[in-house]
C-alpha atoms as a PDB file:
ATOM      1  CA  UNK A   1       0.079  -0.058   0.034  1.00  0.00           C
ATOM      2  CA  UNK A   2       2.891   2.557   0.993  1.00  0.00           C
ATOM      3  CA  UNK A   3       4.576   2.174  -2.864  1.00  0.00           C
ATOM      4  CA  UNK A   4       1.116   3.345  -4.163  1.00  0.00           C
ATOM      5  CA  UNK A   5       0.644   6.245  -2.277  1.00  0.00           C
ATOM      6  CA  UNK A   6       2.706   9.107  -4.479  1.00  0.00           C
ATOM      7  CA  UNK A   7       0.597   7.430  -7.499  1.00  0.00           C
ATOM      8  CA  UNK A   8      -2.621   7.764  -5.476  1.00  0.00           C
ATOM      9  CA  UNK A   9      -1.954  11.240  -4.756  1.00  0.00           C
ATOM     10  CA  UNK A  10      -1.023  12.179  -8.274  1.00  0.00           C
ATOM     11  CA  UNK A  11      -3.871  11.535  -9.622  1.00  0.00           C
ATOM     12  CA  UNK A  12      -5.758  12.925  -6.403  1.00  0.00           C
ATOM     13  CA  UNK A  13      -3.873  16.072  -7.403  1.00  0.00           C
ATOM     14  CA  UNK A  14      -5.217  15.886 -11.051  1.00  0.00           C
ATOM     15  CA  UNK A  15      -8.870  15.346  -9.810  1.00  0.00           C
ATOM     16  CA  UNK A  16      -8.639  17.680  -7.169  1.00  0.00           C
ATOM     17  CA  UNK A  17      -6.238  20.549  -8.373  1.00  0.00           C
ATOM     18  CA  UNK A  18      -4.946  21.581  -4.929  1.00  0.00           C
ATOM     19  CA  UNK A  19      -2.085  19.351  -2.535  1.00  0.00           C
ATOM     20  CA  UNK A  20      -4.690  19.211   0.454  1.00  0.00           C
ATOM     21  CA  UNK A  21      -7.207  18.372  -1.513  1.00  0.00           C
ATOM     22  CA  UNK A  22      -4.934  15.036  -2.763  1.00  0.00           C
ATOM     23  CA  UNK A  23      -4.068  14.281   0.700  1.00  0.00           C
ATOM     24  CA  UNK A  24      -7.541  14.217   1.863  1.00  0.00           C
ATOM     25  CA  UNK A  25      -8.800  12.179  -0.542  1.00  0.00           C
ATOM     26  CA  UNK A  26      -6.296  10.091  -0.814  1.00  0.00           C
ATOM     27  CA  UNK A  27      -6.801   9.589   3.530  1.00  0.00           C
ATOM     28  CA  UNK A  28     -10.132   8.543   3.009  1.00  0.00           C
ATOM     29  CA  UNK A  29      -9.693   6.284   0.318  1.00  0.00           C
ATOM     30  CA  UNK A  30      -7.510   4.805   2.676  1.00  0.00           C
ATOM     31  CA  UNK A  31      -9.696   4.518   4.984  1.00  0.00           C
ATOM     32  CA  UNK A  32     -12.785   3.079   2.968  1.00  0.00           C
ATOM     33  CA  UNK A  33     -10.465   0.446   1.320  1.00  0.00           C
ATOM     34  CA  UNK A  34      -9.273  -0.313   5.500  1.00  0.00           C
ATOM     35  CA  UNK A  35     -12.800  -0.793   6.054  1.00  0.00           C
ATOM     36  CA  UNK A  36     -13.373  -3.056   3.193  1.00  0.00           C
ATOM     37  CA  UNK A  37     -10.693  -5.419   4.013  1.00  0.00           C
ATOM     38  CA  UNK A  38     -12.545  -6.981   6.801  1.00  0.00           C
ATOM     39  CA  UNK A  39     -14.962  -7.432   3.887  1.00  0.00           C
ATOM     40  CA  UNK A  40     -14.503  -9.405   0.855  1.00  0.00           C
ATOM     41  CA  UNK A  41     -14.102  -6.828  -2.680  1.00  0.00           C
ATOM     42  CA  UNK A  42     -15.121  -7.589  -6.069  1.00  0.00           C
ATOM     43  CA  UNK A  43     -11.781  -6.236  -7.466  1.00  0.00           C
ATOM     44  CA  UNK A  44      -9.193  -8.540  -6.444  1.00  0.00           C
ATOM     45  CA  UNK A  45      -6.113  -6.261  -7.222  1.00  0.00           C
ATOM     46  CA  UNK A  46      -4.800  -3.721  -4.725  1.00  0.00           C
ATOM     47  CA  UNK A  47      -3.982  -0.792  -7.209  1.00  0.00           C
ATOM     48  CA  UNK A  48      -7.327  -1.058  -9.030  1.00  0.00           C
ATOM     49  CA  UNK A  49      -9.182  -0.575  -6.434  1.00  0.00           C
ATOM     50  CA  UNK A  50      -7.401   2.434  -4.520  1.00  0.00           C
ATOM     51  CA  UNK A  51      -7.413   4.427  -8.021  1.00  0.00           C
ATOM     52  CA  UNK A  52     -11.495   3.644  -8.451  1.00  0.00           C
ATOM     53  CA  UNK A  53     -11.864   4.404  -4.279  1.00  0.00           C
ATOM     54  CA  UNK A  54      -9.873   7.630  -5.009  1.00  0.00           C
ATOM     55  CA  UNK A  55     -11.712   8.524  -8.165  1.00  0.00           C
ATOM     56  CA  UNK A  56     -14.657   7.871  -7.006  1.00  0.00           C
ATOM     57  CA  UNK A  57     -14.360  10.058  -3.803  1.00  0.00           C
ATOM     58  CA  UNK A  58     -12.977  12.959  -5.664  1.00  0.00           C
ATOM     59  CA  UNK A  59     -15.699  12.905  -7.728  1.00  0.00           C
ATOM     60  CA  UNK A  60     -18.281  12.648  -4.953  1.00  0.00           C
ATOM     61  CA  UNK A  61     -16.223  15.919  -3.377  1.00  0.00           C
ATOM     62  CA  UNK A  62     -16.527  18.023  -6.351  1.00  0.00           C
ATOM     63  CA  UNK A  63     -20.200  17.062  -7.093  1.00  0.00           C
ATOM     64  CA  UNK A  64     -20.700  18.024  -3.554  1.00  0.00           C
ATOM     65  CA  UNK A  65     -18.487  21.099  -4.668  1.00  0.00           C
ATOM     66  CA  UNK A  66     -15.839  20.836  -1.963  1.00  0.00           C
ATOM     67  CA  UNK A  67     -13.177  20.595  -5.182  1.00  0.00           C
ATOM     68  CA  UNK A  68     -11.965  23.718  -6.243  1.00  0.00           C
ATOM     69  CA  UNK A  69      -9.577  23.775  -9.250  1.00  0.00           C
ATOM     70  CA  UNK A  70      -7.734  27.142  -8.663  1.00  0.00           C
ATOM     71  CA  UNK A  71      -7.716  29.495 -11.708  1.00  0.00           C
ATOM     72  CA  UNK A  72      -5.324  32.003 -11.772  1.00  0.00           C
ATOM     73  CA  UNK A  73      -4.833  34.740 -14.282  1.00  0.00           C
ATOM     74  CA  UNK A  74      -1.083  35.315 -13.493  1.00  0.00           C
ATOM     75  CA  UNK A  75       1.467  34.025 -15.752  1.00  0.00           C
ATOM     76  CA  UNK A  76       0.960  32.800 -19.242  1.00  0.00           C
ATOM     77  CA  UNK A  77       3.408  30.518 -18.777  1.00  0.00           C
ATOM     78  CA  UNK A  78       3.710  26.721 -20.666  1.00  0.00           C
ATOM     79  CA  UNK A  79       2.345  25.311 -17.229  1.00  0.00           C
ATOM     80  CA  UNK A  80      -0.253  27.715 -16.785  1.00  0.00           C
ATOM     81  CA  UNK A  81      -2.063  26.995 -20.010  1.00  0.00           C
ATOM     82  CA  UNK A  82      -2.149  23.786 -19.622  1.00  0.00           C
ATOM     83  CA  UNK A  83      -3.041  23.671 -15.937  1.00  0.00           C
ATOM     84  CA  UNK A  84      -6.029  26.175 -17.736  1.00  0.00           C
ATOM     85  CA  UNK A  85      -6.459  23.831 -20.527  1.00  0.00           C
ATOM     86  CA  UNK A  86      -7.089  20.354 -18.012  1.00  0.00           C
ATOM     87  CA  UNK A  87      -9.400  22.468 -15.009  1.00  0.00           C
ATOM     88  CA  UNK A  88     -11.704  23.323 -18.195  1.00  0.00           C
ATOM     89  CA  UNK A  89     -11.830  19.240 -18.611  1.00  0.00           C
ATOM     90  CA  UNK A  90     -14.529  17.059 -16.709  1.00  0.00           C
ATOM     91  CA  UNK A  91     -13.402  15.108 -13.657  1.00  0.00           C
ATOM     92  CA  UNK A  92     -14.453  12.149 -16.035  1.00  0.00           C
ATOM     93  CA  UNK A  93     -11.172  13.759 -18.118  1.00  0.00           C
ATOM     94  CA  UNK A  94      -9.249  14.371 -16.579  1.00  0.00           C
ATOM     95  CA  UNK A  95      -9.077  10.834 -14.505  1.00  0.00           C
ATOM     96  CA  UNK A  96      -9.277   9.178 -17.790  1.00  0.00           C
ATOM     97  CA  UNK A  97      -5.702  11.713 -18.973  1.00  0.00           C
ATOM     98  CA  UNK A  98      -4.569  10.910 -15.600  1.00  0.00           C
ATOM     99  CA  UNK A  99      -4.749   7.024 -15.582  1.00  0.00           C
ATOM    100  CA  UNK A 100      -3.564   6.703 -19.228  1.00  0.00           C
ATOM    101  CA  UNK A 101      -0.860   9.710 -19.575  1.00  0.00           C
ATOM    102  CA  UNK A 102       0.839  10.064 -15.972  1.00  0.00           C
ATOM    103  CA  UNK A 103       0.008   7.014 -14.544  1.00  0.00           C
ATOM    104  CA  UNK A 104       0.347   4.326 -17.733  1.00  0.00           C
ATOM    105  CA  UNK A 105      -2.095   2.470 -17.392  1.00  0.00           C
ATOM    106  CA  UNK A 106      -3.575   0.724 -20.174  1.00  0.00           C
ATOM    107  CA  UNK A 107      -6.950   1.371 -21.716  1.00  0.00           C
ATOM    108  CA  UNK A 108      -8.587  -1.448 -20.288  1.00  0.00           C
ATOM    109  CA  UNK A 109      -7.025  -0.722 -16.895  1.00  0.00           C
ATOM    110  CA  UNK A 110      -8.238   2.764 -16.514  1.00  0.00           C
ATOM    111  CA  UNK A 111     -11.516   1.697 -18.095  1.00  0.00           C
ATOM    112  CA  UNK A 112     -12.047  -0.702 -14.990  1.00  0.00           C
ATOM    113  CA  UNK A 113     -10.906   1.980 -12.483  1.00  0.00           C
ATOM    114  CA  UNK A 114     -13.542   4.375 -14.093  1.00  0.00           C
ATOM    115  CA  UNK A 115     -16.381   1.117 -14.303  1.00  0.00           C
ATOM    116  CA  UNK A 116     -16.470   2.151 -18.589  1.00  0.00           C
ATOM    117  CA  UNK A 117     -16.782  -0.220 -21.171  1.00  0.00           C
ATOM    118  CA  UNK A 118     -12.958  -0.202 -23.087  1.00  0.00           C
ATOM    119  CA  UNK A 119     -15.084   2.153 -25.982  1.00  0.00           C
ATOM    120  CA  UNK A 120     -16.444   4.674 -23.900  1.00  0.00           C
ATOM    121  CA  UNK A 121     -13.301   5.602 -22.411  1.00  0.00           C
ATOM    122  CA  UNK A 122     -11.560   5.748 -25.465  1.00  0.00           C
ATOM    123  CA  UNK A 123     -14.149   8.070 -26.363  1.00  0.00           C
ATOM    124  CA  UNK A 124     -13.890   9.990 -23.057  1.00  0.00           C
ATOM    125  CA  UNK A 125     -10.183   9.885 -23.261  1.00  0.00           C
ATOM    126  CA  UNK A 126     -10.354  11.105 -27.362  1.00  0.00           C
ATOM    127  CA  UNK A 127     -12.321  13.882 -26.502  1.00  0.00           C
ATOM    128  CA  UNK A 128     -10.418  15.101 -23.341  1.00  0.00           C
ATOM    129  CA  UNK A 129      -7.230  15.021 -25.596  1.00  0.00           C
ATOM    130  CA  UNK A 130      -9.459  16.859 -28.358  1.00  0.00           C
ATOM    131  CA  UNK A 131     -10.025  19.438 -25.896  1.00  0.00           C
ATOM    132  CA  UNK A 132      -6.575  19.780 -24.719  1.00  0.00           C
ATOM    133  CA  UNK A 133      -5.629  20.115 -28.387  1.00  0.00           C
ATOM    134  CA  UNK A 134      -8.152  22.728 -29.766  1.00  0.00           C
ATOM    135  CA  UNK A 135      -8.389  25.044 -26.298  1.00  0.00           C
ATOM    136  CA  UNK A 136      -6.944  28.564 -27.047  1.00  0.00           C
END
């Protein structure tokens, strides 16, 4: 589990937009996973189960308005432009990009984490990539 924490934090950061939110989401996912340890989980792989928990918790927090992507007009450097473009994506699109581009997951693994079929996942990822390319 400890080896997964940096990857989980990075994933949660992409989903939530702040390090503090990422820490909270990962902590909540660890608590849920600890509670699930007593029960039999549907997903036997720990890494997939943890990424899925982080995704679901971050999505719930986003719907509740707890997670806010900071938008800054300061600086127009390449990092800030990427951050603004990424902030314009939906949480699902950010998750798809993070799982494939940042974490190096296969489409089938990433689709399983997001509870999507592979075709729906591929369409989601394509949409996210096109929005990043076309954004001003």
